[in-house]
N, C-alpha and C. Protein backbone atom coordinates (compact mmCIF):
# COMPACT_ATOMS: atom_id res chain seq x y z
N MET A 1 0.83 -1.17 0.00
CA MET A 1 0.00 0.00 0.00
C MET A 1 0.88 1.25 0.00
N ALA A 2 0.58 2.18 -0.89
CA ALA A 2 1.38 3.40 -1.03
C ALA A 2 1.12 4.36 0.13
N ILE A 3 2.15 5.06 0.52
CA ILE A 3 2.02 6.07 1.56
C ILE A 3 1.40 7.31 0.93
N LYS A 4 0.40 7.87 1.59
CA LYS A 4 -0.28 9.03 1.04
C LYS A 4 0.40 10.32 1.49
N SER A 5 0.11 11.38 0.75
CA SER A 5 0.63 12.70 1.10
C SER A 5 0.02 13.17 2.41
N THR A 6 0.76 14.00 3.12
CA THR A 6 0.28 14.62 4.35
C THR A 6 -0.26 16.00 4.00
N VAL A 7 -1.43 16.32 4.48
CA VAL A 7 -2.07 17.59 4.14
C VAL A 7 -1.77 18.63 5.22
N PHE A 8 -1.33 19.80 4.77
CA PHE A 8 -1.07 20.95 5.63
C PHE A 8 -1.98 22.09 5.19
N LYS A 9 -2.48 22.85 6.13
CA LYS A 9 -3.31 24.01 5.85
C LYS A 9 -2.55 25.25 6.30
N ALA A 10 -2.52 26.26 5.44
CA ALA A 10 -1.82 27.50 5.78
C ALA A 10 -2.70 28.69 5.47
N ALA A 11 -2.88 29.55 6.46
CA ALA A 11 -3.51 30.84 6.26
C ALA A 11 -2.36 31.83 6.11
N LEU A 12 -2.18 32.35 4.90
CA LEU A 12 -1.03 33.18 4.57
C LEU A 12 -1.48 34.61 4.26
N GLN A 13 -1.02 35.55 5.05
CA GLN A 13 -1.28 36.97 4.80
C GLN A 13 -0.04 37.55 4.13
N ILE A 14 -0.24 38.16 2.98
CA ILE A 14 0.89 38.71 2.22
C ILE A 14 0.75 40.22 2.12
N ALA A 15 1.83 40.92 2.47
CA ALA A 15 1.93 42.36 2.27
C ALA A 15 3.21 42.60 1.48
N ASP A 16 3.07 42.73 0.17
CA ASP A 16 4.21 42.93 -0.72
C ASP A 16 4.23 44.39 -1.15
N MET A 17 5.02 45.18 -0.45
CA MET A 17 5.10 46.61 -0.72
C MET A 17 5.74 46.90 -2.08
N ASP A 18 6.62 46.04 -2.55
CA ASP A 18 7.28 46.26 -3.84
C ASP A 18 6.31 46.15 -5.01
N ARG A 19 5.41 45.18 -4.94
CA ARG A 19 4.44 44.97 -6.04
C ARG A 19 3.06 45.55 -5.72
N HIS A 20 2.90 46.10 -4.53
CA HIS A 20 1.59 46.61 -4.07
C HIS A 20 0.54 45.49 -4.13
N TYR A 21 0.93 44.35 -3.60
CA TYR A 21 0.04 43.19 -3.55
C TYR A 21 -0.24 42.87 -2.09
N TYR A 22 -1.51 42.94 -1.71
CA TYR A 22 -1.91 42.69 -0.32
C TYR A 22 -3.09 41.73 -0.37
N ALA A 23 -2.91 40.53 0.17
CA ALA A 23 -3.98 39.54 0.09
C ALA A 23 -3.82 38.48 1.16
N ASP A 24 -4.93 37.83 1.46
CA ASP A 24 -4.95 36.68 2.35
C ASP A 24 -5.22 35.44 1.50
N HIS A 25 -4.46 34.39 1.73
CA HIS A 25 -4.63 33.15 0.98
C HIS A 25 -4.83 32.00 1.95
N SER A 26 -5.84 31.19 1.70
CA SER A 26 -6.04 29.94 2.45
C SER A 26 -5.52 28.83 1.55
N LEU A 27 -4.41 28.23 1.94
CA LEU A 27 -3.73 27.27 1.09
C LEU A 27 -3.77 25.87 1.69
N THR A 28 -3.88 24.89 0.82
CA THR A 28 -3.77 23.50 1.20
C THR A 28 -2.54 22.95 0.49
N LEU A 29 -1.59 22.47 1.27
CA LEU A 29 -0.37 21.90 0.71
C LEU A 29 -0.36 20.41 0.97
N ALA A 30 -0.14 19.66 -0.07
CA ALA A 30 0.02 18.21 0.08
C ALA A 30 1.52 17.93 0.08
N ARG A 31 2.03 17.45 1.22
CA ARG A 31 3.46 17.13 1.30
C ARG A 31 3.65 15.68 0.86
N HIS A 32 4.32 15.52 -0.26
CA HIS A 32 4.63 14.21 -0.82
C HIS A 32 5.42 13.40 0.21
N PRO A 33 5.24 12.07 0.27
CA PRO A 33 5.96 11.26 1.26
C PRO A 33 7.48 11.44 1.22
N SER A 34 8.03 11.75 0.05
CA SER A 34 9.48 11.94 -0.05
C SER A 34 9.91 13.39 0.21
N GLU A 35 8.97 14.27 0.45
CA GLU A 35 9.28 15.68 0.66
C GLU A 35 9.51 15.97 2.14
N THR A 36 10.45 16.88 2.41
CA THR A 36 10.73 17.28 3.79
C THR A 36 9.92 18.54 4.13
N ASP A 37 9.84 18.84 5.42
CA ASP A 37 9.21 20.09 5.85
C ASP A 37 9.95 21.28 5.24
N GLU A 38 11.26 21.17 5.15
CA GLU A 38 12.06 22.26 4.60
C GLU A 38 11.64 22.57 3.17
N ARG A 39 11.54 21.55 2.32
CA ARG A 39 11.16 21.76 0.93
C ARG A 39 9.74 22.30 0.82
N MET A 40 8.83 21.75 1.61
CA MET A 40 7.45 22.21 1.58
C MET A 40 7.35 23.69 1.96
N MET A 41 8.12 24.11 2.96
CA MET A 41 8.08 25.51 3.38
C MET A 41 8.75 26.43 2.36
N VAL A 42 9.74 25.92 1.63
CA VAL A 42 10.32 26.70 0.54
C VAL A 42 9.29 26.86 -0.58
N ARG A 43 8.49 25.83 -0.84
CA ARG A 43 7.39 25.95 -1.82
C ARG A 43 6.41 27.03 -1.38
N LEU A 44 6.09 27.03 -0.09
CA LEU A 44 5.17 28.04 0.45
C LEU A 44 5.77 29.44 0.32
N LEU A 45 7.06 29.58 0.59
CA LEU A 45 7.72 30.87 0.42
C LEU A 45 7.70 31.29 -1.05
N ALA A 46 7.95 30.35 -1.97
CA ALA A 46 7.90 30.66 -3.39
C ALA A 46 6.51 31.18 -3.77
N PHE A 47 5.47 30.58 -3.19
CA PHE A 47 4.12 31.09 -3.43
C PHE A 47 4.01 32.53 -2.97
N ALA A 48 4.50 32.82 -1.78
CA ALA A 48 4.42 34.18 -1.24
C ALA A 48 5.20 35.17 -2.11
N LEU A 49 6.36 34.78 -2.60
CA LEU A 49 7.19 35.68 -3.41
C LEU A 49 6.51 36.07 -4.71
N TYR A 50 5.77 35.16 -5.31
CA TYR A 50 5.15 35.39 -6.62
C TYR A 50 3.63 35.35 -6.54
N ALA A 51 3.07 35.60 -5.39
CA ALA A 51 1.62 35.46 -5.16
C ALA A 51 0.81 36.21 -6.21
N ASP A 52 -0.23 35.53 -6.64
CA ASP A 52 -1.16 36.05 -7.63
C ASP A 52 -2.40 35.18 -7.53
N GLU A 53 -3.53 35.72 -7.88
CA GLU A 53 -4.77 34.92 -7.84
C GLU A 53 -4.70 33.72 -8.77
N ALA A 54 -3.90 33.81 -9.82
CA ALA A 54 -3.79 32.71 -10.78
C ALA A 54 -2.67 31.72 -10.46
N LEU A 55 -1.86 32.01 -9.45
CA LEU A 55 -0.76 31.11 -9.08
C LEU A 55 -1.30 29.91 -8.33
N ALA A 56 -0.86 28.72 -8.71
CA ALA A 56 -1.38 27.49 -8.09
C ALA A 56 -0.26 26.48 -7.90
N PHE A 57 -0.44 25.64 -6.89
CA PHE A 57 0.48 24.53 -6.69
C PHE A 57 0.21 23.49 -7.76
N ALA A 58 1.27 22.93 -8.34
CA ALA A 58 1.14 21.89 -9.35
C ALA A 58 1.62 20.58 -8.76
N LYS A 59 1.79 19.57 -9.59
CA LYS A 59 2.15 18.25 -9.09
C LYS A 59 3.60 18.14 -8.63
N GLY A 60 4.48 18.96 -9.20
CA GLY A 60 5.87 19.00 -8.74
C GLY A 60 6.57 17.67 -8.67
N LEU A 61 6.84 17.18 -7.45
CA LEU A 61 7.56 15.92 -7.26
C LEU A 61 6.86 14.72 -7.88
N SER A 62 5.55 14.79 -8.00
CA SER A 62 4.78 13.65 -8.50
C SER A 62 4.81 13.52 -10.02
N SER A 63 5.27 14.56 -10.71
CA SER A 63 5.22 14.56 -12.16
C SER A 63 6.45 15.24 -12.74
N ASP A 64 7.00 14.68 -13.81
CA ASP A 64 8.14 15.29 -14.48
C ASP A 64 7.72 16.45 -15.37
N ASP A 65 6.44 16.49 -15.74
CA ASP A 65 5.95 17.49 -16.69
C ASP A 65 5.36 18.73 -16.03
N GLU A 66 5.39 18.81 -14.72
CA GLU A 66 4.82 19.96 -14.04
C GLU A 66 5.80 20.52 -13.02
N PRO A 67 5.73 21.83 -12.81
CA PRO A 67 6.59 22.45 -11.80
C PRO A 67 5.98 22.31 -10.41
N ASP A 68 6.59 22.96 -9.44
CA ASP A 68 6.02 22.99 -8.10
C ASP A 68 4.85 23.97 -8.04
N LEU A 69 4.99 25.09 -8.75
CA LEU A 69 3.91 26.08 -8.85
C LEU A 69 3.88 26.60 -10.28
N TRP A 70 2.70 26.99 -10.71
CA TRP A 70 2.62 27.66 -12.00
C TRP A 70 1.47 28.64 -12.03
N GLN A 71 1.63 29.59 -12.93
CA GLN A 71 0.61 30.61 -13.12
C GLN A 71 0.25 30.59 -14.60
N LYS A 72 -1.04 30.39 -14.87
CA LYS A 72 -1.51 30.34 -16.25
C LYS A 72 -2.45 31.50 -16.50
N ASP A 73 -2.49 31.95 -17.75
CA ASP A 73 -3.44 32.99 -18.10
C ASP A 73 -4.78 32.35 -18.45
N LEU A 74 -5.75 33.15 -18.85
CA LEU A 74 -7.09 32.62 -19.11
C LEU A 74 -7.15 31.69 -20.32
N THR A 75 -6.14 31.74 -21.19
CA THR A 75 -6.12 30.83 -22.34
C THR A 75 -5.44 29.51 -22.01
N GLY A 76 -4.84 29.43 -20.81
CA GLY A 76 -4.11 28.22 -20.42
C GLY A 76 -2.62 28.30 -20.68
N ALA A 77 -2.17 29.40 -21.29
CA ALA A 77 -0.73 29.59 -21.53
C ALA A 77 -0.03 29.79 -20.18
N ILE A 78 1.14 29.21 -20.05
CA ILE A 78 1.88 29.28 -18.79
C ILE A 78 2.67 30.59 -18.73
N GLU A 79 2.31 31.43 -17.78
CA GLU A 79 3.00 32.70 -17.60
C GLU A 79 4.25 32.53 -16.74
N ARG A 80 4.12 31.73 -15.68
CA ARG A 80 5.24 31.56 -14.74
C ARG A 80 5.33 30.09 -14.32
N TRP A 81 6.53 29.55 -14.36
CA TRP A 81 6.83 28.15 -14.01
C TRP A 81 7.85 28.21 -12.88
N ILE A 82 7.49 27.75 -11.69
CA ILE A 82 8.37 27.86 -10.53
C ILE A 82 8.76 26.47 -10.03
N VAL A 83 10.08 26.27 -9.92
CA VAL A 83 10.63 25.00 -9.46
C VAL A 83 11.44 25.26 -8.18
N VAL A 84 11.24 24.38 -7.20
CA VAL A 84 11.97 24.47 -5.94
C VAL A 84 13.03 23.37 -5.91
N GLY A 85 14.24 23.72 -5.54
CA GLY A 85 15.29 22.72 -5.42
C GLY A 85 16.39 22.91 -6.45
N LEU A 86 16.94 21.81 -6.93
CA LEU A 86 18.07 21.82 -7.85
C LEU A 86 17.69 21.01 -9.09
N PRO A 87 16.91 21.60 -10.00
CA PRO A 87 16.40 20.86 -11.14
C PRO A 87 17.46 20.57 -12.20
N ASP A 88 17.14 19.62 -13.04
CA ASP A 88 17.99 19.23 -14.15
C ASP A 88 18.00 20.36 -15.19
N GLU A 89 19.15 20.63 -15.75
CA GLU A 89 19.29 21.70 -16.74
C GLU A 89 18.41 21.46 -17.96
N ARG A 90 18.28 20.22 -18.41
CA ARG A 90 17.44 19.91 -19.58
C ARG A 90 15.97 20.22 -19.28
N ALA A 91 15.53 19.92 -18.07
CA ALA A 91 14.15 20.21 -17.70
C ALA A 91 13.90 21.72 -17.69
N LEU A 92 14.88 22.49 -17.29
CA LEU A 92 14.73 23.95 -17.29
C LEU A 92 14.69 24.50 -18.71
N ARG A 93 15.48 23.93 -19.61
CA ARG A 93 15.43 24.35 -21.02
C ARG A 93 14.04 24.09 -21.60
N LYS A 94 13.49 22.92 -21.29
CA LYS A 94 12.16 22.56 -21.77
C LYS A 94 11.11 23.51 -21.18
N ALA A 95 11.19 23.77 -19.89
CA ALA A 95 10.26 24.69 -19.23
C ALA A 95 10.38 26.09 -19.81
N SER A 96 11.59 26.50 -20.13
CA SER A 96 11.83 27.82 -20.70
C SER A 96 11.12 28.00 -22.04
N GLY A 97 10.97 26.92 -22.77
CA GLY A 97 10.24 26.96 -24.03
C GLY A 97 8.73 26.95 -23.84
N ARG A 98 8.27 26.48 -22.70
CA ARG A 98 6.83 26.37 -22.45
C ARG A 98 6.24 27.56 -21.71
N ALA A 99 7.06 28.30 -20.95
CA ALA A 99 6.55 29.36 -20.09
C ALA A 99 7.21 30.70 -20.41
N ALA A 100 6.48 31.78 -20.14
CA ALA A 100 7.02 33.11 -20.35
C ALA A 100 8.16 33.40 -19.37
N GLN A 101 8.03 32.93 -18.14
CA GLN A 101 9.08 33.11 -17.13
C GLN A 101 9.26 31.81 -16.36
N VAL A 102 10.51 31.45 -16.11
CA VAL A 102 10.85 30.27 -15.31
C VAL A 102 11.64 30.76 -14.11
N VAL A 103 11.27 30.27 -12.93
CA VAL A 103 11.95 30.65 -11.69
C VAL A 103 12.41 29.39 -10.97
N VAL A 104 13.67 29.40 -10.54
CA VAL A 104 14.20 28.33 -9.70
C VAL A 104 14.49 28.93 -8.34
N VAL A 105 13.95 28.32 -7.29
CA VAL A 105 14.27 28.72 -5.92
C VAL A 105 15.13 27.59 -5.37
N SER A 106 16.44 27.81 -5.40
CA SER A 106 17.38 26.77 -4.96
C SER A 106 17.69 26.94 -3.48
N TYR A 107 18.07 25.83 -2.87
CA TYR A 107 18.43 25.84 -1.45
C TYR A 107 19.23 24.59 -1.15
N GLY A 108 19.83 24.55 0.01
CA GLY A 108 20.57 23.36 0.44
C GLY A 108 22.07 23.51 0.27
N ARG A 109 22.78 22.60 0.91
CA ARG A 109 24.25 22.65 0.87
C ARG A 109 24.79 22.42 -0.54
N ALA A 110 24.09 21.67 -1.36
CA ALA A 110 24.59 21.36 -2.70
C ALA A 110 24.24 22.42 -3.73
N ALA A 111 23.54 23.48 -3.34
CA ALA A 111 23.09 24.50 -4.28
C ALA A 111 24.25 25.18 -5.00
N ASN A 112 25.31 25.51 -4.29
CA ASN A 112 26.48 26.15 -4.93
C ASN A 112 27.12 25.23 -5.96
N ILE A 113 27.22 23.97 -5.64
CA ILE A 113 27.79 23.00 -6.58
C ILE A 113 26.91 22.90 -7.82
N TRP A 114 25.59 22.78 -7.61
CA TRP A 114 24.63 22.71 -8.72
C TRP A 114 24.77 23.94 -9.62
N TRP A 115 24.83 25.13 -9.02
CA TRP A 115 24.92 26.36 -9.79
C TRP A 115 26.24 26.42 -10.58
N ASN A 116 27.34 26.06 -9.96
CA ASN A 116 28.63 26.09 -10.66
C ASN A 116 28.67 25.12 -11.83
N GLU A 117 27.99 23.98 -11.70
CA GLU A 117 27.95 23.00 -12.78
C GLU A 117 27.03 23.41 -13.92
N ASN A 118 25.97 24.18 -13.62
CA ASN A 118 24.95 24.49 -14.63
C ASN A 118 24.92 25.95 -15.09
N ARG A 119 25.68 26.81 -14.46
CA ARG A 119 25.62 28.25 -14.73
C ARG A 119 25.76 28.60 -16.20
N ASP A 120 26.79 28.10 -16.86
CA ASP A 120 27.04 28.48 -18.26
C ASP A 120 25.87 28.11 -19.17
N LYS A 121 25.32 26.93 -18.99
CA LYS A 121 24.19 26.51 -19.82
C LYS A 121 22.93 27.30 -19.49
N LEU A 122 22.70 27.57 -18.21
CA LEU A 122 21.47 28.26 -17.80
C LEU A 122 21.49 29.74 -18.15
N GLN A 123 22.66 30.34 -18.24
CA GLN A 123 22.72 31.77 -18.55
C GLN A 123 22.27 32.06 -19.97
N ARG A 124 22.14 31.06 -20.79
CA ARG A 124 21.62 31.23 -22.15
C ARG A 124 20.11 31.41 -22.17
N LEU A 125 19.45 31.05 -21.08
CA LEU A 125 17.99 31.13 -21.01
C LEU A 125 17.58 32.53 -20.53
N ASP A 126 17.06 33.33 -21.44
CA ASP A 126 16.73 34.73 -21.14
C ASP A 126 15.56 34.88 -20.17
N ASN A 127 14.68 33.90 -20.11
CA ASN A 127 13.48 34.02 -19.26
C ASN A 127 13.62 33.26 -17.94
N LEU A 128 14.86 32.99 -17.54
CA LEU A 128 15.11 32.23 -16.31
C LEU A 128 15.62 33.13 -15.19
N THR A 129 15.02 32.96 -14.01
CA THR A 129 15.48 33.61 -12.79
C THR A 129 15.89 32.51 -11.83
N VAL A 130 17.07 32.64 -11.23
CA VAL A 130 17.54 31.67 -10.26
C VAL A 130 17.80 32.41 -8.95
N LEU A 131 17.09 32.00 -7.90
CA LEU A 131 17.26 32.55 -6.56
C LEU A 131 17.87 31.47 -5.68
N ASN A 132 18.63 31.88 -4.68
CA ASN A 132 19.17 30.92 -3.73
C ASN A 132 18.85 31.38 -2.31
N LEU A 133 18.46 30.41 -1.49
CA LEU A 133 18.18 30.67 -0.09
C LEU A 133 19.24 30.01 0.78
N ALA A 134 19.70 30.72 1.79
CA ALA A 134 20.70 30.18 2.71
C ALA A 134 20.12 29.01 3.49
N SER A 135 20.95 28.04 3.81
CA SER A 135 20.51 26.86 4.56
C SER A 135 19.92 27.23 5.91
N GLU A 136 20.50 28.22 6.58
CA GLU A 136 19.97 28.64 7.88
C GLU A 136 18.53 29.13 7.74
N THR A 137 18.26 29.83 6.63
CA THR A 137 16.92 30.35 6.38
C THR A 137 15.92 29.23 6.15
N THR A 138 16.28 28.27 5.31
CA THR A 138 15.32 27.20 5.00
C THR A 138 15.10 26.28 6.19
N LEU A 139 16.12 26.08 7.00
CA LEU A 139 15.93 25.27 8.21
C LEU A 139 15.04 25.99 9.21
N ALA A 140 15.18 27.31 9.29
CA ALA A 140 14.30 28.09 10.17
C ALA A 140 12.87 28.07 9.65
N LEU A 141 12.70 28.10 8.33
CA LEU A 141 11.35 27.97 7.75
C LEU A 141 10.74 26.62 8.11
N ALA A 142 11.55 25.56 8.02
CA ALA A 142 11.06 24.22 8.34
C ALA A 142 10.56 24.15 9.78
N ALA A 143 11.18 24.90 10.66
CA ALA A 143 10.77 24.91 12.07
C ALA A 143 9.39 25.54 12.26
N LEU A 144 8.94 26.33 11.29
CA LEU A 144 7.61 26.94 11.35
C LEU A 144 6.50 25.99 10.89
N ALA A 145 6.87 24.88 10.28
CA ALA A 145 5.88 23.97 9.70
C ALA A 145 5.03 23.30 10.78
N SER A 146 3.73 23.32 10.55
CA SER A 146 2.78 22.56 11.37
C SER A 146 1.57 22.26 10.50
N ARG A 147 0.76 21.31 10.91
CA ARG A 147 -0.38 20.89 10.09
C ARG A 147 -1.34 22.04 9.81
N THR A 148 -1.48 22.97 10.73
CA THR A 148 -2.25 24.20 10.50
C THR A 148 -1.35 25.37 10.85
N MET A 149 -1.19 26.29 9.90
CA MET A 149 -0.26 27.41 10.09
C MET A 149 -0.96 28.73 9.85
N GLN A 150 -0.61 29.70 10.65
CA GLN A 150 -1.02 31.09 10.46
C GLN A 150 0.27 31.86 10.19
N LEU A 151 0.46 32.33 8.96
CA LEU A 151 1.71 32.98 8.58
C LEU A 151 1.46 34.37 8.01
N GLN A 152 2.38 35.27 8.30
CA GLN A 152 2.34 36.60 7.72
C GLN A 152 3.67 36.79 6.99
N CYS A 153 3.59 37.26 5.75
CA CYS A 153 4.78 37.49 4.94
C CYS A 153 4.77 38.94 4.48
N THR A 154 5.80 39.67 4.88
CA THR A 154 5.94 41.07 4.51
C THR A 154 7.19 41.22 3.65
N MET A 155 7.05 41.90 2.51
CA MET A 155 8.17 42.07 1.59
C MET A 155 8.34 43.54 1.24
N GLN A 156 9.59 43.99 1.29
CA GLN A 156 9.90 45.36 0.91
C GLN A 156 11.36 45.44 0.50
N GLU A 157 11.59 45.99 -0.70
CA GLU A 157 12.93 46.19 -1.25
C GLU A 157 13.76 44.91 -1.23
N GLY A 158 13.15 43.79 -1.61
CA GLY A 158 13.85 42.52 -1.68
C GLY A 158 14.08 41.84 -0.34
N HIS A 159 13.64 42.47 0.73
CA HIS A 159 13.77 41.89 2.07
C HIS A 159 12.43 41.26 2.45
N ILE A 160 12.48 40.05 2.99
CA ILE A 160 11.27 39.30 3.32
C ILE A 160 11.29 38.96 4.81
N MET A 161 10.13 39.11 5.43
CA MET A 161 9.99 38.72 6.83
C MET A 161 8.79 37.78 6.92
N MET A 162 9.04 36.56 7.37
CA MET A 162 7.98 35.56 7.56
C MET A 162 7.77 35.41 9.05
N THR A 163 6.51 35.56 9.47
CA THR A 163 6.18 35.53 10.90
C THR A 163 5.06 34.52 11.15
N SER A 164 5.16 33.83 12.28
CA SER A 164 4.08 32.96 12.75
C SER A 164 4.13 32.97 14.27
N ASP A 165 3.23 32.20 14.88
CA ASP A 165 3.26 32.07 16.34
C ASP A 165 4.57 31.44 16.82
N ALA A 166 5.20 30.66 15.94
CA ALA A 166 6.44 29.96 16.31
C ALA A 166 7.68 30.84 16.19
N GLY A 167 7.55 32.03 15.58
CA GLY A 167 8.71 32.90 15.49
C GLY A 167 8.71 33.75 14.23
N MET A 168 9.84 34.44 14.03
CA MET A 168 10.01 35.33 12.89
C MET A 168 11.33 35.01 12.19
N ILE A 169 11.31 35.08 10.86
CA ILE A 169 12.50 34.80 10.07
C ILE A 169 12.72 35.93 9.08
N ASP A 170 13.95 36.44 9.03
CA ASP A 170 14.34 37.39 8.00
C ASP A 170 14.92 36.60 6.85
N ILE A 171 14.45 36.90 5.64
CA ILE A 171 14.86 36.15 4.46
C ILE A 171 15.38 37.12 3.41
N GLU A 172 16.56 36.84 2.90
CA GLU A 172 17.12 37.64 1.82
C GLU A 172 17.64 36.71 0.73
N PRO A 173 16.80 36.44 -0.27
CA PRO A 173 17.25 35.57 -1.36
C PRO A 173 18.40 36.22 -2.13
N VAL A 174 19.32 35.39 -2.57
CA VAL A 174 20.42 35.85 -3.41
C VAL A 174 20.03 35.56 -4.86
N VAL A 175 20.11 36.58 -5.70
CA VAL A 175 19.76 36.41 -7.12
C VAL A 175 21.01 35.97 -7.86
N TRP A 176 20.97 34.75 -8.38
CA TRP A 176 22.09 34.23 -9.16
C TRP A 176 21.94 34.57 -10.63
N GLN A 177 20.69 34.70 -11.08
CA GLN A 177 20.44 35.02 -12.49
C GLN A 177 19.08 35.67 -12.60
N GLY A 178 18.97 36.60 -13.53
CA GLY A 178 17.68 37.22 -13.83
C GLY A 178 17.31 38.32 -12.85
N GLU A 179 16.03 38.65 -12.91
CA GLU A 179 15.46 39.70 -12.07
C GLU A 179 14.64 39.07 -10.96
N PHE A 180 14.79 39.60 -9.76
CA PHE A 180 13.97 39.12 -8.64
C PHE A 180 12.59 39.74 -8.76
N ARG A 181 11.64 38.92 -9.08
CA ARG A 181 10.23 39.26 -9.25
C ARG A 181 10.11 40.28 -10.30
């Protein structure tokens, strides 16, 4: 019998002063059996960074043909394709052809190695943005994970503050390629 995903509920309040986006989102996240709290919370942060009414969680780990999050327009065309982790360079080339913008939110100790190995090939992709999160940040995000979460995310001038009852985290993504948002 297969192990089922664990369901997490998040009430996320977003105040993005840079984009003038202010909204409350009630999100349901299905954590794949092979996914860690750290990765799930990075997915949630990626949602907050690019929040939009049309942004949705996709199959991600469960499917090779879908990202972790995507935003489609009313015709079904993919406006934004967001991948969390250290994706394969070929998959990013393919995504770059399918979406107007591709975003990678990388994290973990191996992120620098991944970037050094793939940088030259990825810099050819004009619609690709690569962000990196420090390990201390993602581990602190993982500590905020609970089956029901109340989170507030405030963003201003590229600085992000994620707050919950469990604490507050200052987040400053490093832009390795492209434009941040």
